[in-house]
Amino acid sequence: YEYLWILGSKKHPEFQKHHEAFDKVKASFDKIKYDEPIDEIKKEME
């Protein structure tokens, strides 16, 4: 239940890129485990 603020109006020019960015965040953080290093996740978030 952690969250980012993502544009919700399709008319906005950043709408598509906002959602693409969030999808990548979600995919990367889904791989995080409390007992494993996050060095690779840091690179993916750059």
ModelCIF file with pLDDT and N, C-alpha, C, O atoms, coordinates in Angstrom:
data_MODEL
#
_entry.id   MODEL 
#
_entity.id                         1 
_entity.type                       polymer 
_entity.pdbx_number_of_molecules   1 
#
_entity_poly.entity_id                      1 
_entity_poly.type                           'polypeptide(L)' 
_entity_poly.nstd_linkage                   no 
_entity_poly.nstd_monomer                   no 
_entity_poly.pdbx_seq_one_letter_code       YEYLWILGSKKHPEFQKHHEAFDKVKASFDKIKYDEPIDEIKKEME 
_entity_poly.pdbx_seq_one_letter_code_can   YEYLWILGSKKHPEFQKHHEAFDKVKASFDKIKYDEPIDEIKKEME 
_entity_poly.pdbx_strand_id                 A 
#
loop_
_entity_poly_seq.entity_id 
_entity_poly_seq.num 
_entity_poly_seq.mon_id 
_entity_poly_seq.hetero 
1 1  TYR n 
1 2  GLU n 
1 3  TYR n 
1 4  LEU n 
1 5  TRP n 
1 6  ILE n 
1 7  LEU n 
1 8  GLY n 
1 9  SER n 
1 10 LYS n 
1 11 LYS n 
1 12 HIS n 
1 13 PRO n 
1 14 GLU n 
1 15 PHE n 
1 16 GLN n 
1 17 LYS n 
1 18 HIS n 
1 19 HIS n 
1 20 GLU n 
1 21 ALA n 
1 22 PHE n 
1 23 ASP n 
1 24 LYS n 
1 25 VAL n 
1 26 LYS n 
1 27 ALA n 
1 28 SER n 
1 29 PHE n 
1 30 ASP n 
1 31 LYS n 
1 32 ILE n 
1 33 LYS n 
1 34 TYR n 
1 35 ASP n 
1 36 GLU n 
1 37 PRO n 
1 38 ILE n 
1 39 ASP n 
1 40 GLU n 
1 41 ILE n 
1 42 LYS n 
1 43 LYS n 
1 44 GLU n 
1 45 MET n 
1 46 GLU n 
#
_struct_asym.id          A 
_struct_asym.entity_id   1 
#
loop_
_ma_qa_metric.id 
_ma_qa_metric.mode 
_ma_qa_metric.name 
_ma_qa_metric.software_group_id 
_ma_qa_metric.type 
1 global pLDDT . pLDDT 
2 local  pLDDT . pLDDT 
#
_ma_qa_metric_global.metric_id      1 
_ma_qa_metric_global.metric_value   95.59 
_ma_qa_metric_global.model_id       1 
_ma_qa_metric_global.ordinal_id     1 
#
loop_
_ma_qa_metric_local.label_asym_id 
_ma_qa_metric_local.label_comp_id 
_ma_qa_metric_local.label_seq_id 
_ma_qa_metric_local.metric_id 
_ma_qa_metric_local.metric_value 
_ma_qa_metric_local.model_id 
_ma_qa_metric_local.ordinal_id 
A TYR 1  2 93.00 1 1  
A GLU 2  2 96.00 1 2  
A TYR 3  2 96.00 1 3  
A LEU 4  2 97.00 1 4  
A TRP 5  2 97.00 1 5  
A ILE 6  2 96.00 1 6  
A LEU 7  2 95.00 1 7  
A GLY 8  2 92.00 1 8  
A SER 9  2 89.00 1 9  
A LYS 10 2 90.00 1 10 
A LYS 11 2 89.00 1 11 
A HIS 12 2 92.00 1 12 
A PRO 13 2 93.00 1 13 
A GLU 14 2 93.00 1 14 
A PHE 15 2 94.00 1 15 
A GLN 16 2 96.00 1 16 
A LYS 17 2 96.00 1 17 
A HIS 18 2 96.00 1 18 
A HIS 19 2 97.00 1 19 
A GLU 20 2 97.00 1 20 
A ALA 21 2 97.00 1 21 
A PHE 22 2 97.00 1 22 
A ASP 23 2 97.00 1 23 
A LYS 24 2 97.00 1 24 
A VAL 25 2 97.00 1 25 
A LYS 26 2 97.00 1 26 
A ALA 27 2 97.00 1 27 
A SER 28 2 97.00 1 28 
A PHE 29 2 97.00 1 29 
A ASP 30 2 96.00 1 30 
A LYS 31 2 96.00 1 31 
A ILE 32 2 96.00 1 32 
A LYS 33 2 96.00 1 33 
A TYR 34 2 96.00 1 34 
A ASP 35 2 96.00 1 35 
A GLU 36 2 96.00 1 36 
A PRO 37 2 96.00 1 37 
A ILE 38 2 97.00 1 38 
A ASP 39 2 96.00 1 39 
A GLU 40 2 97.00 1 40 
A ILE 41 2 97.00 1 41 
A LYS 42 2 97.00 1 42 
A LYS 43 2 97.00 1 43 
A GLU 44 2 97.00 1 44 
A MET 45 2 97.00 1 45 
A GLU 46 2 97.00 1 46 
#
loop_
_atom_site.group_PDB 
_atom_site.id 
_atom_site.type_symbol 
_atom_site.label_atom_id 
_atom_site.label_alt_id 
_atom_site.label_comp_id 
_atom_site.label_asym_id 
_atom_site.label_entity_id 
_atom_site.label_seq_id 
_atom_site.pdbx_PDB_ins_code 
_atom_site.Cartn_x 
_atom_site.Cartn_y 
_atom_site.Cartn_z 
_atom_site.occupancy 
_atom_site.B_iso_or_equiv 
_atom_site.pdbx_formal_charge 
_atom_site.auth_seq_id 
_atom_site.auth_comp_id 
_atom_site.auth_asym_id 
_atom_site.auth_atom_id 
_atom_site.pdbx_PDB_model_num 
ATOM 1   N N  . TYR A 1 1  ? 0.795  -1.222  0.000   1.00 93.00 ? 1  TYR A N  1 
ATOM 2   C CA . TYR A 1 1  ? 0.000  0.000   0.000   1.00 93.00 ? 1  TYR A CA 1 
ATOM 3   C C  . TYR A 1 1  ? 0.830  1.277   0.000   1.00 93.00 ? 1  TYR A C  1 
ATOM 4   O O  . TYR A 1 1  ? 0.312  2.346   0.322   1.00 93.00 ? 1  TYR A O  1 
ATOM 5   N N  . GLU A 1 2  ? 2.117  1.185   -0.357  1.00 96.00 ? 2  GLU A N  1 
ATOM 6   C CA . GLU A 1 2  ? 2.881  2.401   -0.605  1.00 96.00 ? 2  GLU A CA 1 
ATOM 7   C C  . GLU A 1 2  ? 2.465  2.898   -1.985  1.00 96.00 ? 2  GLU A C  1 
ATOM 8   O O  . GLU A 1 2  ? 2.000  2.105   -2.804  1.00 96.00 ? 2  GLU A O  1 
ATOM 9   N N  . TYR A 1 3  ? 2.620  4.197   -2.264  1.00 96.00 ? 3  TYR A N  1 
ATOM 10  C CA . TYR A 1 3  ? 2.104  4.707   -3.538  1.00 96.00 ? 3  TYR A CA 1 
ATOM 11  C C  . TYR A 1 3  ? 2.939  5.849   -4.118  1.00 96.00 ? 3  TYR A C  1 
ATOM 12  O O  . TYR A 1 3  ? 3.702  6.513   -3.418  1.00 96.00 ? 3  TYR A O  1 
ATOM 13  N N  . LEU A 1 4  ? 2.763  6.047   -5.420  1.00 97.00 ? 4  LEU A N  1 
ATOM 14  C CA . LEU A 1 4  ? 3.273  7.219   -6.140  1.00 97.00 ? 4  LEU A CA 1 
ATOM 15  C C  . LEU A 1 4  ? 2.075  8.000   -6.659  1.00 97.00 ? 4  LEU A C  1 
ATOM 16  O O  . LEU A 1 4  ? 0.979  7.458   -6.803  1.00 97.00 ? 4  LEU A O  1 
ATOM 17  N N  . TRP A 1 5  ? 2.302  9.299   -6.942  1.00 97.00 ? 5  TRP A N  1 
ATOM 18  C CA . TRP A 1 5  ? 1.259  10.124  -7.569  1.00 97.00 ? 5  TRP A CA 1 
ATOM 19  C C  . TRP A 1 5  ? 1.450  10.062  -9.094  1.00 97.00 ? 5  TRP A C  1 
ATOM 20  O O  . TRP A 1 5  ? 2.466  10.511  -9.625  1.00 97.00 ? 5  TRP A O  1 
ATOM 21  N N  . ILE A 1 6  ? 0.457  9.499   -9.776  1.00 96.00 ? 6  ILE A N  1 
ATOM 22  C CA . ILE A 1 6  ? 0.534  9.308   -11.221 1.00 96.00 ? 6  ILE A CA 1 
ATOM 23  C C  . ILE A 1 6  ? -0.629 10.044  -11.893 1.00 96.00 ? 6  ILE A C  1 
ATOM 24  O O  . ILE A 1 6  ? -1.765 9.993   -11.421 1.00 96.00 ? 6  ILE A O  1 
ATOM 25  N N  . LEU A 1 7  ? -0.325 10.730  -13.005 1.00 95.00 ? 7  LEU A N  1 
ATOM 26  C CA . LEU A 1 7  ? -1.347 11.501  -13.723 1.00 95.00 ? 7  LEU A CA 1 
ATOM 27  C C  . LEU A 1 7  ? -2.497 10.602  -14.158 1.00 95.00 ? 7  LEU A C  1 
ATOM 28  O O  . LEU A 1 7  ? -2.291 9.507   -14.682 1.00 95.00 ? 7  LEU A O  1 
ATOM 29  N N  . GLY A 1 8  ? -3.726 11.099  -13.924 1.00 92.00 ? 8  GLY A N  1 
ATOM 30  C CA . GLY A 1 8  ? -4.899 10.282  -14.212 1.00 92.00 ? 8  GLY A CA 1 
ATOM 31  C C  . GLY A 1 8  ? -5.676 10.696  -15.440 1.00 92.00 ? 8  GLY A C  1 
ATOM 32  O O  . GLY A 1 8  ? -6.601 9.992   -15.846 1.00 92.00 ? 8  GLY A O  1 
ATOM 33  N N  . SER A 1 9  ? -5.325 11.828  -16.048 1.00 89.00 ? 9  SER A N  1 
ATOM 34  C CA . SER A 1 9  ? -6.057 12.308  -17.225 1.00 89.00 ? 9  SER A CA 1 
ATOM 35  C C  . SER A 1 9  ? -5.318 11.931  -18.511 1.00 89.00 ? 9  SER A C  1 
ATOM 36  O O  . SER A 1 9  ? -4.149 12.271  -18.697 1.00 89.00 ? 9  SER A O  1 
ATOM 37  N N  . LYS A 1 10 ? -6.017 11.229  -19.382 1.00 90.00 ? 10 LYS A N  1 
ATOM 38  C CA . LYS A 1 10 ? -5.409 10.792  -20.643 1.00 90.00 ? 10 LYS A CA 1 
ATOM 39  C C  . LYS A 1 10 ? -5.075 11.974  -21.548 1.00 90.00 ? 10 LYS A C  1 
ATOM 40  O O  . LYS A 1 10 ? -4.263 11.835  -22.463 1.00 90.00 ? 10 LYS A O  1 
ATOM 41  N N  . LYS A 1 11 ? -5.681 13.125  -21.310 1.00 89.00 ? 11 LYS A N  1 
ATOM 42  C CA . LYS A 1 11 ? -5.424 14.305  -22.139 1.00 89.00 ? 11 LYS A CA 1 
ATOM 43  C C  . LYS A 1 11 ? -4.058 14.925  -21.835 1.00 89.00 ? 11 LYS A C  1 
ATOM 44  O O  . LYS A 1 11 ? -3.530 15.697  -22.635 1.00 89.00 ? 11 LYS A O  1 
ATOM 45  N N  . HIS A 1 12 ? -3.505 14.590  -20.703 1.00 92.00 ? 12 HIS A N  1 
ATOM 46  C CA . HIS A 1 12 ? -2.237 15.207  -20.325 1.00 92.00 ? 12 HIS A CA 1 
ATOM 47  C C  . HIS A 1 12 ? -1.098 14.570  -21.125 1.00 92.00 ? 12 HIS A C  1 
ATOM 48  O O  . HIS A 1 12 ? -1.065 13.349  -21.272 1.00 92.00 ? 12 HIS A O  1 
ATOM 49  N N  . PRO A 1 13 ? -0.159 15.377  -21.646 1.00 93.00 ? 13 PRO A N  1 
ATOM 50  C CA . PRO A 1 13 ? 0.929  14.847  -22.492 1.00 93.00 ? 13 PRO A CA 1 
ATOM 51  C C  . PRO A 1 13 ? 1.863  13.892  -21.742 1.00 93.00 ? 13 PRO A C  1 
ATOM 52  O O  . PRO A 1 13 ? 2.555  13.096  -22.376 1.00 93.00 ? 13 PRO A O  1 
ATOM 53  N N  . GLU A 1 14 ? 1.897  13.956  -20.390 1.00 93.00 ? 14 GLU A N  1 
ATOM 54  C CA . GLU A 1 14 ? 2.776  13.074  -19.620 1.00 93.00 ? 14 GLU A CA 1 
ATOM 55  C C  . GLU A 1 14 ? 2.060  11.812  -19.150 1.00 93.00 ? 14 GLU A C  1 
ATOM 56  O O  . GLU A 1 14 ? 2.669  10.962  -18.500 1.00 93.00 ? 14 GLU A O  1 
ATOM 57  N N  . PHE A 1 15 ? 0.783  11.684  -19.470 1.00 94.00 ? 15 PHE A N  1 
ATOM 58  C CA . PHE A 1 15 ? -0.007 10.568  -18.966 1.00 94.00 ? 15 PHE A CA 1 
ATOM 59  C C  . PHE A 1 15 ? 0.640  9.220   -19.280 1.00 94.00 ? 15 PHE A C  1 
ATOM 60  O O  . PHE A 1 15 ? 0.836  8.393   -18.389 1.00 94.00 ? 15 PHE A O  1 
ATOM 61  N N  . GLN A 1 16 ? 0.967  9.009   -20.548 1.00 96.00 ? 16 GLN A N  1 
ATOM 62  C CA . GLN A 1 16 ? 1.495  7.723   -20.978 1.00 96.00 ? 16 GLN A CA 1 
ATOM 63  C C  . GLN A 1 16 ? 2.845  7.419   -20.308 1.00 96.00 ? 16 GLN A C  1 
ATOM 64  O O  . GLN A 1 16 ? 3.066  6.315   -19.811 1.00 96.00 ? 16 GLN A O  1 
ATOM 65  N N  . LYS A 1 17 ? 3.740  8.415   -20.303 1.00 96.00 ? 17 LYS A N  1 
ATOM 66  C CA . LYS A 1 17 ? 5.067  8.203   -19.724 1.00 96.00 ? 17 LYS A CA 1 
ATOM 67  C C  . LYS A 1 17 ? 4.995  8.013   -18.200 1.00 96.00 ? 17 LYS A C  1 
ATOM 68  O O  . LYS A 1 17 ? 5.756  7.242   -17.615 1.00 96.00 ? 17 LYS A O  1 
ATOM 69  N N  . HIS A 1 18 ? 4.055  8.741   -17.579 1.00 96.00 ? 18 HIS A N  1 
ATOM 70  C CA . HIS A 1 18 ? 3.861  8.579   -16.141 1.00 96.00 ? 18 HIS A CA 1 
ATOM 71  C C  . HIS A 1 18 ? 3.525  7.120   -15.810 1.00 96.00 ? 18 HIS A C  1 
ATOM 72  O O  . HIS A 1 18 ? 4.095  6.528   -14.893 1.00 96.00 ? 18 HIS A O  1 
ATOM 73  N N  . HIS A 1 19 ? 2.590  6.559   -16.577 1.00 97.00 ? 19 HIS A N  1 
ATOM 74  C CA . HIS A 1 19 ? 2.150  5.191   -16.315 1.00 97.00 ? 19 HIS A CA 1 
ATOM 75  C C  . HIS A 1 19 ? 3.231  4.172   -16.666 1.00 97.00 ? 19 HIS A C  1 
ATOM 76  O O  . HIS A 1 19 ? 3.372  3.154   -15.987 1.00 97.00 ? 19 HIS A O  1 
ATOM 77  N N  . GLU A 1 20 ? 3.984  4.441   -17.711 1.00 97.00 ? 20 GLU A N  1 
ATOM 78  C CA . GLU A 1 20 ? 5.086  3.542   -18.053 1.00 97.00 ? 20 GLU A CA 1 
ATOM 79  C C  . GLU A 1 20 ? 6.131  3.530   -16.947 1.00 97.00 ? 20 GLU A C  1 
ATOM 80  O O  . GLU A 1 20 ? 6.667  2.480   -16.592 1.00 97.00 ? 20 GLU A O  1 
ATOM 81  N N  . ALA A 1 21 ? 6.410  4.712   -16.411 1.00 97.00 ? 21 ALA A N  1 
ATOM 82  C CA . ALA A 1 21 ? 7.381  4.813   -15.318 1.00 97.00 ? 21 ALA A CA 1 
ATOM 83  C C  . ALA A 1 21 ? 6.887  4.049   -14.092 1.00 97.00 ? 21 ALA A C  1 
ATOM 84  O O  . ALA A 1 21 ? 7.647  3.325   -13.448 1.00 97.00 ? 21 ALA A O  1 
ATOM 85  N N  . PHE A 1 22 ? 5.599  4.223   -13.779 1.00 97.00 ? 22 PHE A N  1 
ATOM 86  C CA . PHE A 1 22 ? 5.058  3.520   -12.606 1.00 97.00 ? 22 PHE A CA 1 
ATOM 87  C C  . PHE A 1 22 ? 5.109  2.004   -12.795 1.00 97.00 ? 22 PHE A C  1 
ATOM 88  O O  . PHE A 1 22 ? 5.447  1.272   -11.866 1.00 97.00 ? 22 PHE A O  1 
ATOM 89  N N  . ASP A 1 23 ? 4.774  1.536   -13.994 1.00 97.00 ? 23 ASP A N  1 
ATOM 90  C CA . ASP A 1 23 ? 4.801  0.087   -14.247 1.00 97.00 ? 23 ASP A CA 1 
ATOM 91  C C  . ASP A 1 23 ? 6.189  -0.489  -14.006 1.00 97.00 ? 23 ASP A C  1 
ATOM 92  O O  . ASP A 1 23 ? 6.326  -1.606  -13.506 1.00 97.00 ? 23 ASP A O  1 
ATOM 93  N N  . LYS A 1 24 ? 7.211  0.271   -14.361 1.00 97.00 ? 24 LYS A N  1 
ATOM 94  C CA . LYS A 1 24 ? 8.583  -0.190  -14.144 1.00 97.00 ? 24 LYS A CA 1 
ATOM 95  C C  . LYS A 1 24 ? 8.922  -0.198  -12.651 1.00 97.00 ? 24 LYS A C  1 
ATOM 96  O O  . LYS A 1 24 ? 9.594  -1.103  -12.155 1.00 97.00 ? 24 LYS A O  1 
ATOM 97  N N  . VAL A 1 25 ? 8.440  0.835   -11.945 1.00 97.00 ? 25 VAL A N  1 
ATOM 98  C CA . VAL A 1 25 ? 8.646  0.878   -10.494 1.00 97.00 ? 25 VAL A CA 1 
ATOM 99  C C  . VAL A 1 25 ? 8.004  -0.346  -9.842  1.00 97.00 ? 25 VAL A C  1 
ATOM 100 O O  . VAL A 1 25 ? 8.625  -1.039  -9.036  1.00 97.00 ? 25 VAL A O  1 
ATOM 101 N N  . LYS A 1 26 ? 6.776  -0.588  -10.201 1.00 97.00 ? 26 LYS A N  1 
ATOM 102 C CA . LYS A 1 26 ? 6.037  -1.711  -9.616  1.00 97.00 ? 26 LYS A CA 1 
ATOM 103 C C  . LYS A 1 26 ? 6.746  -3.050  -9.895  1.00 97.00 ? 26 LYS A C  1 
ATOM 104 O O  . LYS A 1 26 ? 6.887  -3.885  -9.002  1.00 97.00 ? 26 LYS A O  1 
ATOM 105 N N  . ALA A 1 27 ? 7.180  -3.232  -11.126 1.00 97.00 ? 27 ALA A N  1 
ATOM 106 C CA . ALA A 1 27 ? 7.841  -4.489  -11.500 1.00 97.00 ? 27 ALA A CA 1 
ATOM 107 C C  . ALA A 1 27 ? 9.144  -4.672  -10.721 1.00 97.00 ? 27 ALA A C  1 
ATOM 108 O O  . ALA A 1 27 ? 9.464  -5.778  -10.283 1.00 97.00 ? 27 ALA A O  1 
ATOM 109 N N  . SER A 1 28 ? 9.887  -3.589  -10.554 1.00 97.00 ? 28 SER A N  1 
ATOM 110 C CA . SER A 1 28 ? 11.157 -3.684  -9.835  1.00 97.00 ? 28 SER A CA 1 
ATOM 111 C C  . SER A 1 28 ? 10.942 -3.944  -8.342  1.00 97.00 ? 28 SER A C  1 
ATOM 112 O O  . SER A 1 28 ? 11.591 -4.813  -7.760  1.00 97.00 ? 28 SER A O  1 
ATOM 113 N N  . PHE A 1 29 ? 10.033 -3.193  -7.732  1.00 97.00 ? 29 PHE A N  1 
ATOM 114 C CA . PHE A 1 29 ? 9.821  -3.340  -6.296  1.00 97.00 ? 29 PHE A CA 1 
ATOM 115 C C  . PHE A 1 29 ? 9.138  -4.655  -5.942  1.00 97.00 ? 29 PHE A C  1 
ATOM 116 O O  . PHE A 1 29 ? 9.264  -5.132  -4.814  1.00 97.00 ? 29 PHE A O  1 
ATOM 117 N N  . ASP A 1 30 ? 8.424  -5.242  -6.883  1.00 96.00 ? 30 ASP A N  1 
ATOM 118 C CA . ASP A 1 30 ? 7.831  -6.559  -6.642  1.00 96.00 ? 30 ASP A CA 1 
ATOM 119 C C  . ASP A 1 30 ? 8.910  -7.618  -6.400  1.00 96.00 ? 30 ASP A C  1 
ATOM 120 O O  . ASP A 1 30 ? 8.654  -8.646  -5.773  1.00 96.00 ? 30 ASP A O  1 
ATOM 121 N N  . LYS A 1 31 ? 10.104 -7.358  -6.898  1.00 96.00 ? 31 LYS A N  1 
ATOM 122 C CA . LYS A 1 31 ? 11.207 -8.308  -6.746  1.00 96.00 ? 31 LYS A CA 1 
ATOM 123 C C  . LYS A 1 31 ? 11.941 -8.149  -5.411  1.00 96.00 ? 31 LYS A C  1 
ATOM 124 O O  . LYS A 1 31 ? 12.715 -9.019  -5.014  1.00 96.00 ? 31 LYS A O  1 
ATOM 125 N N  . ILE A 1 32 ? 11.692 -7.035  -4.727  1.00 96.00 ? 32 ILE A N  1 
ATOM 126 C CA . ILE A 1 32 ? 12.423 -6.764  -3.485  1.00 96.00 ? 32 ILE A CA 1 
ATOM 127 C C  . ILE A 1 32 ? 11.995 -7.724  -2.382  1.00 96.00 ? 32 ILE A C  1 
ATOM 128 O O  . ILE A 1 32 ? 10.807 -7.981  -2.189  1.00 96.00 ? 32 ILE A O  1 
ATOM 129 N N  . LYS A 1 33 ? 12.989 -8.251  -1.661  1.00 96.00 ? 33 LYS A N  1 
ATOM 130 C CA . LYS A 1 33 ? 12.750 -9.062  -0.485  1.00 96.00 ? 33 LYS A CA 1 
ATOM 131 C C  . LYS A 1 33 ? 13.494 -8.426  0.689   1.00 96.00 ? 33 LYS A C  1 
ATOM 132 O O  . LYS A 1 33 ? 14.566 -7.842  0.535   1.00 96.00 ? 33 LYS A O  1 
ATOM 133 N N  . TYR A 1 34 ? 12.881 -8.563  1.873   1.00 96.00 ? 34 TYR A N  1 
ATOM 134 C CA . TYR A 1 34 ? 13.467 -7.890  3.033   1.00 96.00 ? 34 TYR A CA 1 
ATOM 135 C C  . TYR A 1 34 ? 14.869 -8.389  3.361   1.00 96.00 ? 34 TYR A C  1 
ATOM 136 O O  . TYR A 1 34 ? 15.657 -7.663  3.966   1.00 96.00 ? 34 TYR A O  1 
ATOM 137 N N  . ASP A 1 35 ? 15.192 -9.634  2.963   1.00 96.00 ? 35 ASP A N  1 
ATOM 138 C CA . ASP A 1 35 ? 16.483 -10.214 3.351   1.00 96.00 ? 35 ASP A CA 1 
ATOM 139 C C  . ASP A 1 35 ? 17.493 -10.272 2.212   1.00 96.00 ? 35 ASP A C  1 
ATOM 140 O O  . ASP A 1 35 ? 18.476 -11.008 2.292   1.00 96.00 ? 35 ASP A O  1 
ATOM 141 N N  . GLU A 1 36 ? 17.255 -9.493  1.142   1.00 96.00 ? 36 GLU A N  1 
ATOM 142 C CA . GLU A 1 36 ? 18.191 -9.479  0.025   1.00 96.00 ? 36 GLU A CA 1 
ATOM 143 C C  . GLU A 1 36 ? 18.608 -8.041  -0.295  1.00 96.00 ? 36 GLU A C  1 
ATOM 144 O O  . GLU A 1 36 ? 17.816 -7.121  -0.092  1.00 96.00 ? 36 GLU A O  1 
ATOM 145 N N  . PRO A 1 37 ? 19.841 -7.824  -0.794  1.00 96.00 ? 37 PRO A N  1 
ATOM 146 C CA . PRO A 1 37 ? 20.321 -6.483  -1.132  1.00 96.00 ? 37 PRO A CA 1 
ATOM 147 C C  . PRO A 1 37 ? 19.466 -5.838  -2.217  1.00 96.00 ? 37 PRO A C  1 
ATOM 148 O O  . PRO A 1 37 ? 18.808 -6.527  -2.997  1.00 96.00 ? 37 PRO A O  1 
ATOM 149 N N  . ILE A 1 38 ? 19.483 -4.505  -2.259  1.00 97.00 ? 38 ILE A N  1 
ATOM 150 C CA . ILE A 1 38 ? 18.675 -3.788  -3.255  1.00 97.00 ? 38 ILE A CA 1 
ATOM 151 C C  . ILE A 1 38 ? 19.547 -3.022  -4.250  1.00 97.00 ? 38 ILE A C  1 
ATOM 152 O O  . ILE A 1 38 ? 19.070 -2.078  -4.879  1.00 97.00 ? 38 ILE A O  1 
ATOM 153 N N  . ASP A 1 39 ? 20.815 -3.410  -4.405  1.00 96.00 ? 39 ASP A N  1 
ATOM 154 C CA . ASP A 1 39 ? 21.722 -2.699  -5.310  1.00 96.00 ? 39 ASP A CA 1 
ATOM 155 C C  . ASP A 1 39 ? 21.198 -2.694  -6.747  1.00 96.00 ? 39 ASP A C  1 
ATOM 156 O O  . ASP A 1 39 ? 21.264 -1.667  -7.424  1.00 96.00 ? 39 ASP A O  1 
ATOM 157 N N  . GLU A 1 40 ? 20.675 -3.833  -7.221  1.00 97.00 ? 40 GLU A N  1 
ATOM 158 C CA . GLU A 1 40 ? 20.158 -3.907  -8.583  1.00 97.00 ? 40 GLU A CA 1 
ATOM 159 C C  . GLU A 1 40 ? 18.925 -3.039  -8.749  1.00 97.00 ? 40 GLU A C  1 
ATOM 160 O O  . GLU A 1 40 ? 18.730 -2.434  -9.803  1.00 97.00 ? 40 GLU A O  1 
ATOM 161 N N  . ILE A 1 41 ? 18.099 -2.972  -7.730  1.00 97.00 ? 41 ILE A N  1 
ATOM 162 C CA . ILE A 1 41 ? 16.879 -2.153  -7.788  1.00 97.00 ? 41 ILE A CA 1 
ATOM 163 C C  . ILE A 1 41 ? 17.264 -0.680  -7.900  1.00 97.00 ? 41 ILE A C  1 
ATOM 164 O O  . ILE A 1 41 ? 16.621 0.079   -8.624  1.00 97.00 ? 41 ILE A O  1 
ATOM 165 N N  . LYS A 1 42 ? 18.295 -0.282  -7.194  1.00 97.00 ? 42 LYS A N  1 
ATOM 166 C CA . LYS A 1 42 ? 18.763 1.106   -7.277  1.00 97.00 ? 42 LYS A CA 1 
ATOM 167 C C  . LYS A 1 42 ? 19.153 1.457   -8.713  1.00 97.00 ? 42 LYS A C  1 
ATOM 168 O O  . LYS A 1 42 ? 18.832 2.544   -9.195  1.00 97.00 ? 42 LYS A O  1 
ATOM 169 N N  . LYS A 1 43 ? 19.841 0.547   -9.394  1.00 97.00 ? 43 LYS A N  1 
ATOM 170 C CA . LYS A 1 43 ? 20.238 0.797   -10.789 1.00 97.00 ? 43 LYS A CA 1 
ATOM 171 C C  . LYS A 1 43 ? 19.009 0.905   -11.685 1.00 97.00 ? 43 LYS A C  1 
ATOM 172 O O  . LYS A 1 43 ? 18.959 1.748   -12.581 1.00 97.00 ? 43 LYS A O  1 
ATOM 173 N N  . GLU A 1 44 ? 18.007 0.039   -11.437 1.00 97.00 ? 44 GLU A N  1 
ATOM 174 C CA . GLU A 1 44 ? 16.797 0.055   -12.249 1.00 97.00 ? 44 GLU A CA 1 
ATOM 175 C C  . GLU A 1 44 ? 15.985 1.330   -12.037 1.00 97.00 ? 44 GLU A C  1 
ATOM 176 O O  . GLU A 1 44 ? 15.231 1.739   -12.920 1.00 97.00 ? 44 GLU A O  1 
ATOM 177 N N  . MET A 1 45 ? 16.133 1.949   -10.890 1.00 97.00 ? 45 MET A N  1 
ATOM 178 C CA . MET A 1 45 ? 15.363 3.161   -10.592 1.00 97.00 ? 45 MET A CA 1 
ATOM 179 C C  . MET A 1 45 ? 16.021 4.432   -11.121 1.00 97.00 ? 45 MET A C  1 
ATOM 180 O O  . MET A 1 45 ? 15.369 5.475   -11.175 1.00 97.00 ? 45 MET A O  1 
ATOM 181 N N  . GLU A 1 46 ? 17.273 4.377   -11.507 1.00 97.00 ? 46 GLU A N  1 
ATOM 182 C CA . GLU A 1 46 ? 17.968 5.584   -11.990 1.00 97.00 ? 46 GLU A CA 1 
ATOM 183 C C  . GLU A 1 46 ? 17.258 6.237   -13.171 1.00 97.00 ? 46 GLU A C  1 
ATOM 184 O O  . GLU A 1 46 ? 17.722 7.256   -13.683 1.00 97.00 ? 46 GLU A O  1 
#
